[in-house]
Amino acid sequence: MFSVTGTEAQRLPLTHTGDLYWKTSNLTSLDVSDLNNITIKGVFPSSGRVFPGEGMAFDVHGNLYTGNEGLEIYDSELNRIGYAPIQDSISTRPMTIALRSPQQAFACNPTRPFARLFVFDTSDLRAPTLTNIVTIPFSEHNECRGIAFDATGHLWVTSNALIKLGLDPAGNITTSEVFQVARPPSWQPAFWVAFEPGTERLFWVTINENRMTVADPDNPLAPIGEVTDICDNLLLSPVTLAFSSRGDLFVSCGNVDGATTDLVIFRASILSGLRGTVHSSTLNPIRFASPELVGGGEIAFKPGVIPVMIDIKPGDSENTIKLGTAGVIPVAILSSESFDATTVDPETITLAGASVRMVGKASRFLCSEQDVNEDGRLDMVCQVETAQFLIEPGQSVAVLEAQTLDGRRIRGEDSVRIVAD
């Protein structure tokens, strides 16, 4: 039996939904901002060349990490900027990628008889290095397919079982638990795993079963719910999972053996009420297919930039800026129902290239929290250095860029009137 309610779970403010990327021999970007009108935005490389490697993960800045006999790093414009080769006598194949922090990346190596983890130092994106190779316990004679970090910093590995690992700073294993999921012995299931934003519920899929399981990570062998018959093919289906920042779940299907569905999307509001075993049609998912999506690709979201409202010189409708002076100009980053401006990191703020003034022996940023527009929400008001403005007379718009304390990028703009010194 099952039950579905219309109540949407409370969710944390996460990275604004960016493009969804599908990776096989090429990298395909999709605009999924409107789930009822999903479109293909582009294919990389466009010349028909192959985009190399396996595995895919984006950091909060939009840099792409992928495996190709080592770790390759591409910037947000898909220019390769860094590479760390793997020199190992057993295997140099990194299959899936997970980021522990901006300074450390993990890749899963599926080679038998034991699957292993490659650990990379990524503190310098242009010169990443392989720092450790670790054997995954309980993985004897089974491949490692998916890896993902939970909110507590544990790494979950998918093989013929779910494996939960505690790691020290160098990536060495300190604790391990295995959760053996009973499945028909004729199958050799390989899992993919993901954690739901906000609730941190554990989701996993199994190749050849066309099934998705939902569980509490503290008790993964007691499922909260299961969804059956997700894709319309039999082999390699479903393949991978990815959550959008809104909590919608995207499932990629192995589009072989006459299948017509590439992506199946379950809305967050429906997933929140999932209980028991449910046929996918009961959840009214969105199904998408395109000739551009081939081979049962891996999917991941590239973080987008959050658009915010700003007010330069609050109370001044002209926003006049006199270049070349040694003063400061106030700018307010406004909070809204979906964005808390007080979470912005003052160190990252630039307005037309100008940074926030620092004062005092402790080098404190000159910012304060005020309700500038009297809407009941605290805004952030900062004083930026006028002398640093990279703006010319005649320009009528100034752009603010910054990051929140948890790494989300924001952008806002306001009109200005520039006066030369």
Protein backbone atom coordinates (compact mmCIF):
# COMPACT_ATOMS: atom_id res chain seq x y z
CA MET A 1 0.00 0.00 0.00
CA PHE A 2 1.07 3.60 -0.45
CA SER A 3 0.02 7.11 0.38
CA VAL A 4 0.94 10.41 -1.24
CA THR A 5 0.22 13.75 0.37
CA GLY A 6 0.44 17.21 -1.14
CA THR A 7 2.51 18.62 1.72
CA GLU A 8 5.94 19.77 0.63
CA ALA A 9 8.73 19.19 3.12
CA GLN A 10 10.58 22.19 4.50
CA ARG A 11 13.76 22.68 2.49
CA LEU A 12 16.97 24.57 3.03
CA PRO A 13 17.90 27.48 0.76
CA LEU A 14 20.30 25.76 -1.65
CA THR A 15 22.08 26.69 -4.83
CA HIS A 16 19.78 28.25 -7.41
CA THR A 17 18.93 25.68 -10.08
CA GLY A 18 21.31 25.92 -13.01
CA ASP A 19 21.53 23.89 -16.18
CA LEU A 20 21.29 20.12 -16.01
CA TYR A 21 24.18 18.34 -17.74
CA TRP A 22 23.99 14.89 -19.36
CA LYS A 23 27.35 13.21 -19.95
CA THR A 24 28.16 10.29 -22.24
CA SER A 25 30.52 10.71 -25.19
CA ASN A 26 29.46 14.36 -25.28
CA LEU A 27 28.36 16.83 -22.64
CA THR A 28 24.81 18.09 -23.23
CA SER A 29 23.26 20.99 -21.31
CA LEU A 30 19.53 21.26 -20.70
CA ASP A 31 17.43 24.19 -19.50
CA VAL A 32 15.13 22.69 -16.85
CA SER A 33 13.92 25.95 -15.29
CA ASP A 34 10.44 25.14 -16.62
CA LEU A 35 9.75 21.43 -16.17
CA ASN A 36 6.93 21.60 -18.68
CA ASN A 37 9.22 23.04 -21.34
CA ILE A 38 12.64 21.36 -21.03
CA THR A 39 14.99 22.31 -23.86
CA ILE A 40 18.45 21.30 -25.08
CA LYS A 41 20.77 24.31 -24.78
CA GLY A 42 23.95 22.93 -26.28
CA VAL A 43 26.27 20.01 -26.90
CA PHE A 44 29.98 20.09 -26.08
CA PRO A 45 32.16 19.59 -28.02
CA SER A 46 29.97 20.87 -30.87
CA SER A 47 32.35 19.60 -33.56
CA GLY A 48 31.48 15.96 -32.98
CA ARG A 49 34.65 15.25 -30.99
CA VAL A 50 34.37 13.12 -27.89
CA PHE A 51 34.28 14.70 -24.43
CA PRO A 52 36.61 12.30 -22.57
CA GLY A 53 36.36 10.60 -19.26
CA GLU A 54 33.85 9.23 -16.78
CA GLY A 55 32.19 10.71 -13.76
CA MET A 56 31.00 14.28 -13.32
CA ALA A 57 30.68 16.77 -10.48
CA PHE A 58 30.33 20.56 -10.36
CA ASP A 59 31.54 22.79 -7.52
CA VAL A 60 29.65 25.88 -6.35
CA HIS A 61 31.58 28.04 -8.84
CA GLY A 62 30.52 25.94 -11.83
CA ASN A 63 33.88 24.24 -12.33
CA LEU A 64 33.54 20.71 -13.70
CA TYR A 65 35.47 17.70 -12.34
CA THR A 66 35.64 14.51 -14.41
CA GLY A 67 37.82 11.39 -14.62
CA ASN A 68 40.12 10.49 -17.52
CA GLU A 69 43.01 8.33 -16.26
CA GLY A 70 43.22 10.96 -13.59
CA LEU A 71 41.20 13.98 -12.53
CA GLU A 72 40.42 16.66 -15.12
CA ILE A 73 39.10 20.07 -14.07
CA TYR A 74 37.29 22.45 -16.41
CA ASP A 75 36.28 26.02 -15.62
CA SER A 76 32.71 27.26 -15.92
CA GLU A 77 33.28 27.93 -19.65
CA LEU A 78 34.47 24.31 -20.15
CA ASN A 79 38.13 25.18 -20.67
CA ARG A 80 40.41 22.53 -19.19
CA ILE A 81 42.45 24.22 -16.47
CA GLY A 82 43.86 21.35 -14.41
CA TYR A 83 44.82 17.69 -14.57
CA ALA A 84 46.11 15.20 -12.00
CA PRO A 85 47.28 11.92 -13.58
CA ILE A 86 46.89 8.58 -11.81
CA GLN A 87 49.98 6.41 -11.74
CA ASP A 88 48.91 3.03 -10.45
CA SER A 89 49.77 -0.54 -11.44
CA ILE A 90 46.22 -1.89 -10.98
CA SER A 91 43.98 0.66 -12.70
CA THR A 92 43.88 4.34 -13.61
CA ARG A 93 40.12 4.47 -14.19
CA PRO A 94 38.13 6.90 -12.02
CA MET A 95 34.45 6.14 -12.68
CA THR A 96 32.46 8.51 -10.49
CA ILE A 97 33.40 11.77 -8.74
CA ALA A 98 32.32 13.31 -5.42
CA LEU A 99 33.56 16.56 -3.86
CA ARG A 100 34.22 16.53 -0.14
CA SER A 101 35.14 20.23 -0.10
CA PRO A 102 36.59 22.82 -2.48
CA GLN A 103 40.00 21.42 -1.51
CA GLN A 104 39.39 17.68 -1.91
CA ALA A 105 37.83 15.40 -4.54
CA PHE A 106 37.22 11.63 -4.47
CA ALA A 107 36.93 9.29 -7.43
CA CYS A 108 35.65 5.73 -7.32
CA ASN A 109 37.69 3.05 -9.12
CA PRO A 110 35.59 -0.01 -10.03
CA THR A 111 38.40 -2.44 -10.81
CA ARG A 112 38.11 -5.88 -9.24
CA PRO A 113 39.00 -7.72 -7.04
CA PHE A 114 38.62 -4.67 -4.75
CA ALA A 115 37.10 -1.32 -5.60
CA ARG A 116 39.19 1.66 -4.50
CA LEU A 117 39.02 5.40 -3.88
CA PHE A 118 41.38 7.91 -5.45
CA VAL A 119 41.80 11.04 -3.32
CA PHE A 120 42.86 14.36 -4.89
CA ASP A 121 44.01 17.67 -3.45
CA THR A 122 42.11 20.34 -5.43
CA SER A 123 43.06 23.41 -3.40
CA ASP A 124 44.82 24.66 -6.57
CA LEU A 125 42.48 23.93 -9.47
CA ARG A 126 45.28 24.44 -11.98
CA ALA A 127 47.57 21.93 -10.26
CA PRO A 128 45.51 19.20 -8.58
CA THR A 129 47.41 16.21 -7.20
CA LEU A 130 46.64 12.58 -6.36
CA THR A 131 47.32 12.22 -2.62
CA ASN A 132 45.92 8.83 -1.61
CA ILE A 133 44.57 5.50 -2.90
CA VAL A 134 42.30 3.61 -0.50
CA THR A 135 40.78 0.12 -0.79
CA ILE A 136 37.03 0.09 -0.14
CA PRO A 137 36.07 -2.55 2.44
CA PHE A 138 33.36 -5.12 1.62
CA SER A 139 33.83 -4.52 -2.14
CA GLU A 140 35.56 -7.83 -2.96
CA HIS A 141 34.64 -9.04 -6.48
CA ASN A 142 32.18 -6.17 -6.95
CA GLU A 143 32.37 -2.91 -8.83
CA CYS A 144 32.06 0.51 -7.28
CA ARG A 145 29.51 2.59 -9.19
CA GLY A 146 28.27 5.61 -7.27
CA ILE A 147 29.68 7.70 -4.41
CA ALA A 148 28.11 10.58 -2.50
CA PHE A 149 28.78 12.49 0.72
CA ASP A 150 25.97 12.91 3.24
CA ALA A 151 25.42 15.95 5.47
CA THR A 152 27.57 14.45 8.25
CA GLY A 153 30.60 14.00 5.97
CA HIS A 154 30.30 10.23 5.56
CA LEU A 155 30.97 8.85 2.10
CA TRP A 156 28.42 6.37 0.74
CA VAL A 157 29.64 3.87 -1.86
CA THR A 158 27.39 1.75 -4.03
CA SER A 159 28.36 -1.71 -5.15
CA ASN A 160 26.38 -4.91 -4.58
CA ALA A 161 25.57 -3.23 -1.29
CA LEU A 162 25.47 0.20 0.30
CA ILE A 163 28.71 0.99 2.12
CA LYS A 164 29.01 3.90 4.56
CA LEU A 165 32.54 5.16 5.25
CA GLY A 166 33.99 7.52 7.83
CA LEU A 167 37.13 9.25 6.59
CA ASP A 168 40.01 11.13 8.15
CA PRO A 169 41.28 14.38 6.53
CA ALA A 170 43.62 12.42 4.22
CA GLY A 171 40.80 10.18 3.00
CA ASN A 172 41.83 7.10 4.99
CA ILE A 173 38.89 5.00 6.20
CA THR A 174 38.21 5.26 9.94
CA THR A 175 34.80 3.54 10.14
CA SER A 176 32.79 1.37 7.77
CA GLU A 177 29.32 -0.14 7.65
CA VAL A 178 27.83 -2.37 4.97
CA PHE A 179 24.12 -2.66 4.24
CA GLN A 180 23.40 -5.73 2.12
CA VAL A 181 20.25 -5.21 0.10
CA ALA A 182 18.57 -8.51 -0.79
CA ARG A 183 17.95 -8.82 -4.53
CA PRO A 184 17.46 -11.77 -6.90
CA PRO A 185 20.80 -13.61 -7.12
CA SER A 186 20.68 -13.80 -10.94
CA TRP A 187 21.26 -10.05 -11.14
CA GLN A 188 24.48 -8.16 -10.57
CA PRO A 189 22.96 -4.86 -9.42
CA ALA A 190 24.99 -1.67 -9.40
CA PHE A 191 23.57 1.24 -7.43
CA TRP A 192 23.50 5.01 -7.71
CA VAL A 193 22.93 7.06 -4.58
CA ALA A 194 21.83 10.63 -3.79
CA PHE A 195 20.63 12.60 -0.79
CA GLU A 196 17.50 14.76 -0.89
CA PRO A 197 18.26 18.44 -0.16
CA GLY A 198 16.77 19.67 3.08
CA THR A 199 15.61 16.30 4.41
CA GLU A 200 18.80 14.28 3.65
CA ARG A 201 16.69 11.20 2.89
CA LEU A 202 18.68 8.54 1.06
CA PHE A 203 17.64 7.63 -2.51
CA TRP A 204 19.15 4.84 -4.56
CA VAL A 205 18.47 3.01 -7.79
CA THR A 206 19.55 -0.38 -9.02
CA ILE A 207 20.52 -1.21 -12.59
CA ASN A 208 18.32 -3.90 -14.20
CA GLU A 209 15.57 -3.48 -11.61
CA ASN A 210 13.79 -0.30 -12.78
CA ARG A 211 13.25 0.57 -9.15
CA MET A 212 14.09 3.43 -6.79
CA THR A 213 14.27 3.09 -3.01
CA VAL A 214 13.89 5.85 -0.38
CA ALA A 215 15.16 5.37 3.17
CA ASP A 216 16.42 7.09 6.28
CA PRO A 217 20.25 6.92 6.12
CA ASP A 218 20.25 5.78 9.75
CA ASN A 219 18.27 2.69 8.74
CA PRO A 220 18.68 2.12 4.98
CA LEU A 221 17.43 -1.49 5.10
CA ALA A 222 13.97 -0.34 6.22
CA PRO A 223 12.73 1.60 3.18
CA ILE A 224 10.32 4.47 3.62
CA GLY A 225 9.10 3.95 0.07
CA GLU A 226 9.87 2.43 -3.31
CA VAL A 227 8.99 3.54 -6.84
CA THR A 228 8.70 0.89 -9.56
CA ASP A 229 8.63 0.95 -13.38
CA ILE A 230 10.40 4.29 -13.67
CA CYS A 231 11.88 3.96 -17.16
CA ASP A 232 10.47 2.24 -20.25
CA ASN A 233 13.41 -0.04 -20.97
CA LEU A 234 14.76 -3.15 -19.28
CA LEU A 235 18.53 -2.84 -19.30
CA LEU A 236 20.62 -0.25 -17.47
CA SER A 237 17.54 1.46 -16.17
CA PRO A 238 17.44 3.74 -14.25
CA VAL A 239 21.07 4.87 -14.32
CA THR A 240 21.77 7.97 -12.21
CA LEU A 241 20.03 10.47 -9.92
CA ALA A 242 20.34 14.23 -9.42
CA PHE A 243 18.34 16.63 -7.24
CA SER A 244 17.69 20.20 -8.30
CA SER A 245 17.92 22.97 -5.70
CA ARG A 246 14.12 22.95 -5.52
CA GLY A 247 14.22 19.29 -4.48
CA ASP A 248 12.87 17.91 -7.77
CA LEU A 249 14.45 14.54 -8.54
CA PHE A 250 15.85 13.80 -12.01
CA VAL A 251 16.44 10.19 -13.05
CA SER A 252 18.39 9.31 -16.19
CA CYS A 253 17.31 6.20 -18.08
CA GLY A 254 19.43 3.83 -20.12
CA ASN A 255 17.88 4.57 -23.52
CA VAL A 256 18.64 1.25 -25.17
CA ASP A 257 16.48 -1.70 -26.34
CA GLY A 258 13.87 0.55 -27.97
CA ALA A 259 13.36 2.86 -25.00
CA THR A 260 11.84 6.27 -25.63
CA THR A 261 12.42 8.00 -22.25
CA ASP A 262 15.71 9.68 -21.35
CA LEU A 263 14.75 11.62 -18.22
CA VAL A 264 12.05 11.05 -15.60
CA ILE A 265 11.42 13.94 -13.17
CA PHE A 266 9.58 13.64 -9.86
CA ARG A 267 8.43 16.90 -8.30
CA ALA A 268 9.55 17.65 -4.74
CA SER A 269 5.98 18.18 -3.54
CA ILE A 270 5.09 14.62 -4.52
CA LEU A 271 8.25 12.97 -3.20
CA SER A 272 7.74 14.48 0.24
CA GLY A 273 4.66 12.33 0.80
CA LEU A 274 6.02 9.09 -0.62
CA ARG A 275 5.27 6.04 1.52
CA GLY A 276 5.25 2.34 0.64
CA THR A 277 5.57 0.82 -2.83
CA VAL A 278 4.29 3.00 -5.66
CA HIS A 279 4.11 2.54 -9.43
CA SER A 280 5.79 5.56 -11.00
CA SER A 281 2.65 6.56 -12.92
CA THR A 282 0.91 7.21 -9.60
CA LEU A 283 3.36 10.04 -8.92
CA ASN A 284 2.62 11.71 -12.28
CA PRO A 285 6.27 12.23 -13.27
CA ILE A 286 7.44 14.36 -16.17
CA ARG A 287 9.07 12.36 -18.97
CA PHE A 288 11.51 13.83 -21.46
CA ALA A 289 13.31 12.42 -24.48
CA SER A 290 15.67 13.88 -27.10
CA PRO A 291 17.88 12.45 -29.85
CA GLU A 292 20.74 14.48 -28.30
CA LEU A 293 20.69 12.31 -25.17
CA VAL A 294 22.30 8.97 -25.85
CA GLY A 295 23.69 6.02 -23.99
CA GLY A 296 22.12 6.30 -20.54
CA GLY A 297 24.12 9.30 -19.41
CA GLU A 298 25.28 10.47 -16.03
CA ILE A 299 23.53 13.67 -14.92
CA ALA A 300 24.53 16.55 -12.63
CA PHE A 301 23.47 20.13 -12.00
CA LYS A 302 25.76 23.05 -12.66
CA PRO A 303 25.01 25.66 -9.98
CA GLY A 304 23.41 28.82 -11.27
CA VAL A 305 23.77 32.41 -10.13
CA ILE A 306 21.05 33.68 -7.80
CA PRO A 307 19.55 36.95 -9.05
CA VAL A 308 19.13 39.47 -6.21
CA MET A 309 17.80 43.00 -5.85
CA ILE A 310 20.25 45.74 -4.88
CA ASP A 311 19.86 49.44 -4.12
CA ILE A 312 22.88 51.71 -4.68
CA LYS A 313 22.81 54.75 -2.40
CA PRO A 314 19.47 53.91 -0.77
CA GLY A 315 17.18 56.93 -0.78
CA ASP A 316 18.93 58.52 -3.79
CA SER A 317 16.97 57.98 -7.00
CA GLU A 318 19.83 59.18 -9.25
CA ASN A 319 22.60 57.01 -7.71
CA THR A 320 25.30 59.48 -8.69
CA ILE A 321 28.88 58.18 -8.46
CA LYS A 322 31.84 60.53 -8.77
CA LEU A 323 34.85 58.62 -10.01
CA GLY A 324 38.34 59.11 -8.61
CA THR A 325 37.31 60.17 -5.14
CA ALA A 326 38.56 58.54 -1.96
CA GLY A 327 35.14 58.07 -0.40
CA VAL A 328 32.68 55.21 -0.19
CA ILE A 329 29.31 54.45 -1.76
CA PRO A 330 26.64 52.50 0.14
CA VAL A 331 24.96 49.57 -1.57
CA ALA A 332 22.15 47.50 -0.09
CA ILE A 333 21.63 43.84 -0.93
CA LEU A 334 17.93 43.28 -0.35
CA SER A 335 16.41 40.21 1.26
CA SER A 336 13.33 38.57 -0.21
CA GLU A 337 11.01 35.72 0.60
CA SER A 338 13.49 33.26 -0.96
CA PHE A 339 16.83 34.96 -0.17
CA ASP A 340 18.44 36.10 3.09
CA ALA A 341 20.87 38.93 2.32
CA THR A 342 22.51 38.59 5.73
CA THR A 343 24.10 35.33 4.52
CA VAL A 344 26.29 37.19 2.00
CA ASP A 345 30.04 37.07 2.68
CA PRO A 346 31.26 40.73 2.68
CA GLU A 347 34.73 39.64 1.59
CA THR A 348 33.35 38.47 -1.77
CA ILE A 349 31.30 41.57 -2.61
CA THR A 350 32.29 43.66 -5.61
CA LEU A 351 30.26 46.49 -7.12
CA ALA A 352 31.53 47.35 -10.60
CA GLY A 353 34.89 45.95 -9.48
CA ALA A 354 34.99 47.88 -6.18
CA SER A 355 35.30 45.94 -2.93
CA VAL A 356 33.98 46.70 0.55
CA ARG A 357 36.00 49.07 2.74
CA MET A 358 37.77 47.54 5.73
CA VAL A 359 38.15 49.45 8.99
CA GLY A 360 39.81 49.08 12.39
CA LYS A 361 42.74 47.06 13.65
CA ALA A 362 40.75 43.87 13.17
CA SER A 363 40.20 44.73 9.49
CA ARG A 364 36.42 44.58 9.81
CA PHE A 365 34.32 44.94 6.67
CA LEU A 366 32.18 48.08 6.75
CA CYS A 367 28.77 46.38 6.50
CA SER A 368 25.64 46.42 8.64
CA GLU A 369 22.24 44.75 8.73
CA GLN A 370 19.31 47.12 8.19
CA ASP A 371 15.75 46.91 6.90
CA VAL A 372 16.34 49.36 4.06
CA ASN A 373 13.03 48.95 2.21
CA GLU A 374 10.92 48.45 5.36
CA ASP A 375 9.54 45.07 4.33
CA GLY A 376 10.27 43.43 7.68
CA ARG A 377 13.38 41.65 6.43
CA LEU A 378 16.97 42.53 7.30
CA ASP A 379 19.08 43.62 4.33
CA MET A 380 22.86 43.94 4.12
CA VAL A 381 24.27 47.44 3.57
CA CYS A 382 27.97 47.76 2.72
CA GLN A 383 30.26 50.68 1.92
CA VAL A 384 32.36 50.11 -1.20
CA GLU A 385 35.51 51.99 -2.22
CA THR A 386 34.69 54.64 -4.82
CA ALA A 387 38.29 54.81 -6.03
CA GLN A 388 38.16 51.15 -7.09
CA PHE A 389 35.22 51.44 -9.48
CA LEU A 390 35.88 49.91 -12.91
CA ILE A 391 33.22 51.89 -14.66
CA GLU A 392 33.33 54.68 -17.25
CA PRO A 393 31.35 57.87 -17.78
CA GLY A 394 28.35 57.07 -19.93
CA GLN A 395 27.72 53.66 -18.38
CA SER A 396 24.29 53.49 -16.78
CA VAL A 397 24.33 50.18 -14.90
CA ALA A 398 26.56 48.86 -12.09
CA VAL A 399 26.69 45.13 -11.36
CA LEU A 400 27.18 43.60 -7.93
CA GLU A 401 28.62 40.10 -7.61
CA ALA A 402 29.21 38.14 -4.42
CA GLN A 403 28.90 34.79 -2.70
CA THR A 404 26.99 33.64 0.33
CA LEU A 405 28.81 32.12 3.28
CA ASP A 406 28.02 28.64 1.93
CA GLY A 407 29.40 29.43 -1.54
CA ARG A 408 26.30 30.32 -3.56
CA ARG A 409 26.91 32.97 -6.20
CA ILE A 410 24.66 36.04 -6.43
CA ARG A 411 24.33 38.87 -8.92
CA GLY A 412 22.34 42.12 -8.93
CA GLU A 413 22.36 45.42 -10.78
CA ASP A 414 21.10 48.96 -10.37
CA SER A 415 21.12 52.10 -12.48
CA VAL A 416 23.82 54.73 -11.88
CA ARG A 417 24.83 58.17 -13.09
CA ILE A 418 28.61 58.42 -13.50
CA VAL A 419 30.40 61.72 -13.06
CA ALA A 420 34.08 62.05 -13.99
CA ASP A 421 36.48 63.50 -11.42
